[in-house]
Amino acid sequence: MVAPIIEELAAVFGIRSIPSILFIPSDNQPQMAMGALPKLTFKEVIRDKFGVAEPTN
């Protein structure tokens, strides 16, 4: 069954709600974001933690 494996992974990563996003920057500590986040928050995290700017068209 898949369910026990998913439950074990959730316990390892401390996931208690869906959606849960684990941000793992290459030069910093991983950070967990739980629950629904606004689009602006995702953009800020990606910009601040990963140094990736929003593309300009």
N, C-alpha and C. Protein backbone atom coordinates (compact mmCIF):
# COMPACT_ATOMS: atom_id res chain seq x y z
N MET A 1 0.82 -1.19 0.00
CA MET A 1 0.00 0.00 0.00
C MET A 1 0.86 1.25 0.00
N VAL A 2 0.37 2.28 -0.59
CA VAL A 2 1.07 3.56 -0.67
C VAL A 2 0.85 4.39 0.60
N ALA A 3 -0.30 4.28 1.21
CA ALA A 3 -0.65 5.13 2.35
C ALA A 3 0.37 5.07 3.49
N PRO A 4 0.87 3.90 3.90
CA PRO A 4 1.86 3.89 4.99
C PRO A 4 3.15 4.63 4.62
N ILE A 5 3.56 4.53 3.36
CA ILE A 5 4.77 5.22 2.91
C ILE A 5 4.56 6.73 2.96
N ILE A 6 3.42 7.18 2.51
CA ILE A 6 3.11 8.61 2.52
C ILE A 6 3.05 9.13 3.95
N GLU A 7 2.43 8.37 4.84
CA GLU A 7 2.36 8.77 6.24
C GLU A 7 3.75 8.84 6.87
N GLU A 8 4.62 7.91 6.51
CA GLU A 8 5.98 7.91 7.04
C GLU A 8 6.76 9.13 6.53
N LEU A 9 6.66 9.42 5.26
CA LEU A 9 7.32 10.60 4.70
C LEU A 9 6.80 11.89 5.33
N ALA A 10 5.50 11.97 5.52
CA ALA A 10 4.92 13.15 6.15
C ALA A 10 5.48 13.33 7.56
N ALA A 11 5.64 12.25 8.29
CA ALA A 11 6.18 12.33 9.65
C ALA A 11 7.65 12.77 9.62
N VAL A 12 8.42 12.26 8.67
CA VAL A 12 9.84 12.62 8.58
C VAL A 12 10.01 14.12 8.32
N PHE A 13 9.17 14.67 7.44
CA PHE A 13 9.29 16.08 7.07
C PHE A 13 8.42 17.00 7.92
N GLY A 14 7.68 16.46 8.86
CA GLY A 14 6.86 17.29 9.74
C GLY A 14 5.65 17.88 9.06
N ILE A 15 5.13 17.20 8.05
CA ILE A 15 3.98 17.71 7.32
C ILE A 15 2.71 17.37 8.07
N ARG A 16 1.93 18.40 8.37
CA ARG A 16 0.68 18.19 9.09
C ARG A 16 -0.53 18.70 8.34
N SER A 17 -0.30 19.42 7.25
CA SER A 17 -1.43 19.91 6.47
C SER A 17 -1.06 19.94 4.99
N ILE A 18 -2.06 19.97 4.19
CA ILE A 18 -1.89 20.05 2.74
C ILE A 18 -2.51 21.36 2.30
N PRO A 19 -1.87 22.17 1.50
CA PRO A 19 -0.56 21.92 0.90
C PRO A 19 0.57 22.27 1.86
N SER A 20 1.68 21.58 1.69
CA SER A 20 2.92 21.88 2.41
C SER A 20 4.03 21.98 1.38
N ILE A 21 4.80 23.04 1.44
CA ILE A 21 5.89 23.26 0.51
C ILE A 21 7.19 23.31 1.31
N LEU A 22 8.16 22.51 0.90
CA LEU A 22 9.47 22.51 1.54
C LEU A 22 10.44 23.24 0.61
N PHE A 23 10.88 24.41 1.03
CA PHE A 23 11.85 25.19 0.27
C PHE A 23 13.24 24.78 0.74
N ILE A 24 14.10 24.35 -0.19
CA ILE A 24 15.45 23.92 0.16
C ILE A 24 16.45 24.71 -0.67
N PRO A 25 16.85 25.89 -0.17
CA PRO A 25 17.88 26.65 -0.88
C PRO A 25 19.23 25.94 -0.78
N SER A 26 20.07 26.10 -1.78
CA SER A 26 21.35 25.39 -1.81
C SER A 26 22.33 25.85 -0.73
N ASP A 27 22.21 27.08 -0.25
CA ASP A 27 23.18 27.59 0.71
C ASP A 27 22.56 28.01 2.05
N ASN A 28 21.38 27.47 2.36
CA ASN A 28 20.71 27.90 3.58
C ASN A 28 19.90 26.73 4.14
N GLN A 29 19.29 26.94 5.27
CA GLN A 29 18.46 25.93 5.90
C GLN A 29 17.14 25.76 5.17
N PRO A 30 16.64 24.53 5.07
CA PRO A 30 15.30 24.33 4.50
C PRO A 30 14.24 25.01 5.35
N GLN A 31 13.17 25.46 4.69
CA GLN A 31 12.05 26.08 5.39
C GLN A 31 10.76 25.47 4.88
N MET A 32 9.84 25.22 5.81
CA MET A 32 8.55 24.63 5.48
C MET A 32 7.48 25.70 5.49
N ALA A 33 6.65 25.68 4.47
CA ALA A 33 5.47 26.56 4.43
C ALA A 33 4.25 25.65 4.39
N MET A 34 3.37 25.80 5.38
CA MET A 34 2.18 24.95 5.45
C MET A 34 0.92 25.76 5.21
N GLY A 35 0.00 25.14 4.51
CA GLY A 35 -1.26 25.79 4.21
C GLY A 35 -1.19 26.59 2.93
N ALA A 36 -2.33 27.10 2.53
CA ALA A 36 -2.41 27.89 1.30
C ALA A 36 -1.74 29.24 1.52
N LEU A 37 -0.87 29.61 0.59
CA LEU A 37 -0.18 30.90 0.67
C LEU A 37 -0.55 31.75 -0.54
N PRO A 38 -0.61 33.05 -0.36
CA PRO A 38 -0.89 33.93 -1.49
C PRO A 38 0.25 33.88 -2.51
N LYS A 39 -0.08 34.14 -3.76
CA LYS A 39 0.90 34.13 -4.83
C LYS A 39 2.06 35.07 -4.53
N LEU A 40 1.78 36.23 -3.97
CA LEU A 40 2.82 37.21 -3.65
C LEU A 40 3.82 36.63 -2.65
N THR A 41 3.35 35.85 -1.69
CA THR A 41 4.23 35.24 -0.70
C THR A 41 5.19 34.27 -1.37
N PHE A 42 4.68 33.45 -2.31
CA PHE A 42 5.55 32.53 -3.04
C PHE A 42 6.62 33.30 -3.80
N LYS A 43 6.22 34.37 -4.46
CA LYS A 43 7.19 35.17 -5.21
C LYS A 43 8.26 35.74 -4.30
N GLU A 44 7.86 36.22 -3.13
CA GLU A 44 8.82 36.79 -2.18
C GLU A 44 9.80 35.74 -1.68
N VAL A 45 9.30 34.56 -1.35
CA VAL A 45 10.17 33.48 -0.86
C VAL A 45 11.16 33.07 -1.95
N ILE A 46 10.68 32.90 -3.15
CA ILE A 46 11.57 32.51 -4.25
C ILE A 46 12.62 33.58 -4.50
N ARG A 47 12.22 34.83 -4.46
CA ARG A 47 13.16 35.94 -4.66
C ARG A 47 14.17 36.00 -3.52
N ASP A 48 13.69 35.97 -2.27
CA ASP A 48 14.55 36.19 -1.12
C ASP A 48 15.43 34.98 -0.78
N LYS A 49 14.88 33.79 -0.84
CA LYS A 49 15.63 32.60 -0.43
C LYS A 49 16.47 31.99 -1.54
N PHE A 50 16.02 32.15 -2.79
CA PHE A 50 16.73 31.53 -3.90
C PHE A 50 17.42 32.54 -4.81
N GLY A 51 17.17 33.82 -4.59
CA GLY A 51 17.80 34.83 -5.43
C GLY A 51 17.32 34.84 -6.86
N VAL A 52 16.09 34.39 -7.07
CA VAL A 52 15.54 34.33 -8.42
C VAL A 52 14.52 35.46 -8.58
N ALA A 53 14.81 36.33 -9.51
CA ALA A 53 13.91 37.46 -9.77
C ALA A 53 12.83 37.04 -10.77
N GLU A 54 11.71 37.73 -10.69
CA GLU A 54 10.62 37.47 -11.63
C GLU A 54 11.08 37.91 -13.02
N PRO A 55 10.83 37.07 -14.03
CA PRO A 55 11.27 37.44 -15.38
C PRO A 55 10.54 38.68 -15.89
N THR A 56 11.25 39.49 -16.64
CA THR A 56 10.63 40.66 -17.27
C THR A 56 10.43 40.33 -18.74
N ASN A 57 9.25 40.63 -19.21
CA ASN A 57 8.93 40.30 -20.62
C ASN A 57 9.11 41.47 -21.51
